[in-house]
Amino acid sequence: MSDLWAALALVLVIEGLMPLISPARWREVFSRILALSDGQIRFMGLASIVLGLLGLLWLR
């Protein structure tokens, strides 16, 4: 269970890097994401999940 909390904490750290380092670029990227269709956003989510699972399998 502590690994899960550590992973979630790491996600928050990584997610916070872009707005901290370059807020203007983060805002631009976010506005481009808002312009995508639901299907494109779903595909990005699916691709992220698959890459994350492959990464976990590779590390374990």
Protein backbone atom coordinates (compact mmCIF):
# COMPACT_ATOMS: atom_id res chain seq x y z
CA MET A 1 0.00 0.00 0.00
CA SER A 2 2.87 2.37 0.69
CA ASP A 3 4.08 1.82 -2.90
CA LEU A 4 0.73 3.06 -4.17
CA TRP A 5 0.94 6.23 -2.07
CA ALA A 6 4.53 6.77 -3.22
CA ALA A 7 3.46 6.37 -6.85
CA LEU A 8 0.61 8.86 -6.42
CA ALA A 9 2.94 11.34 -4.73
CA LEU A 10 5.39 10.98 -7.62
CA VAL A 11 2.59 11.65 -10.12
CA LEU A 12 1.79 14.89 -8.29
CA VAL A 13 5.44 15.93 -8.36
CA ILE A 14 5.74 15.22 -12.09
CA GLU A 15 2.42 16.91 -12.88
CA GLY A 16 3.50 20.01 -11.00
CA LEU A 17 6.80 20.45 -12.82
CA MET A 18 5.44 21.95 -16.04
CA PRO A 19 3.29 24.69 -14.45
CA LEU A 20 6.16 25.52 -12.10
CA ILE A 21 8.87 25.72 -14.76
CA SER A 22 6.90 27.21 -17.65
CA PRO A 23 3.35 28.33 -16.85
CA ALA A 24 2.81 30.02 -20.23
CA ARG A 25 3.81 26.87 -22.14
CA TRP A 26 1.66 24.74 -19.80
CA ARG A 27 -1.34 26.99 -20.51
CA GLU A 28 -0.71 26.67 -24.28
CA VAL A 29 -0.48 22.88 -24.09
CA PHE A 30 -3.62 22.73 -21.95
CA SER A 31 -5.56 24.87 -24.43
CA ARG A 32 -4.48 22.57 -27.28
CA ILE A 33 -5.70 19.57 -25.29
CA LEU A 34 -9.07 21.27 -24.80
CA ALA A 35 -9.37 21.59 -28.58
CA LEU A 36 -9.05 17.81 -29.09
CA SER A 37 -12.07 15.60 -29.62
CA ASP A 38 -13.26 13.19 -26.93
CA GLY A 39 -11.97 10.25 -28.96
CA GLN A 40 -8.48 11.74 -29.21
CA ILE A 41 -8.39 12.42 -25.48
CA ARG A 42 -9.58 8.87 -24.75
CA PHE A 43 -6.85 7.47 -27.01
CA MET A 44 -4.23 9.53 -25.18
CA GLY A 45 -5.56 8.20 -21.87
CA LEU A 46 -5.48 4.62 -23.15
CA ALA A 47 -1.96 5.05 -24.51
CA SER A 48 -0.84 6.48 -21.18
CA ILE A 49 -2.33 3.53 -19.29
CA VAL A 50 -0.71 0.99 -21.64
CA LEU A 51 2.69 2.70 -21.41
CA GLY A 52 2.41 2.86 -17.63
CA LEU A 53 1.53 -0.82 -17.37
CA LEU A 54 4.39 -1.76 -19.70
CA GLY A 55 6.72 0.34 -17.57
CA LEU A 56 5.54 -1.44 -14.43
CA LEU A 57 6.02 -4.84 -16.03
CA TRP A 58 9.50 -3.86 -17.16
CA LEU A 59 10.47 -2.63 -13.69
CA ARG A 60 9.06 -5.69 -11.89
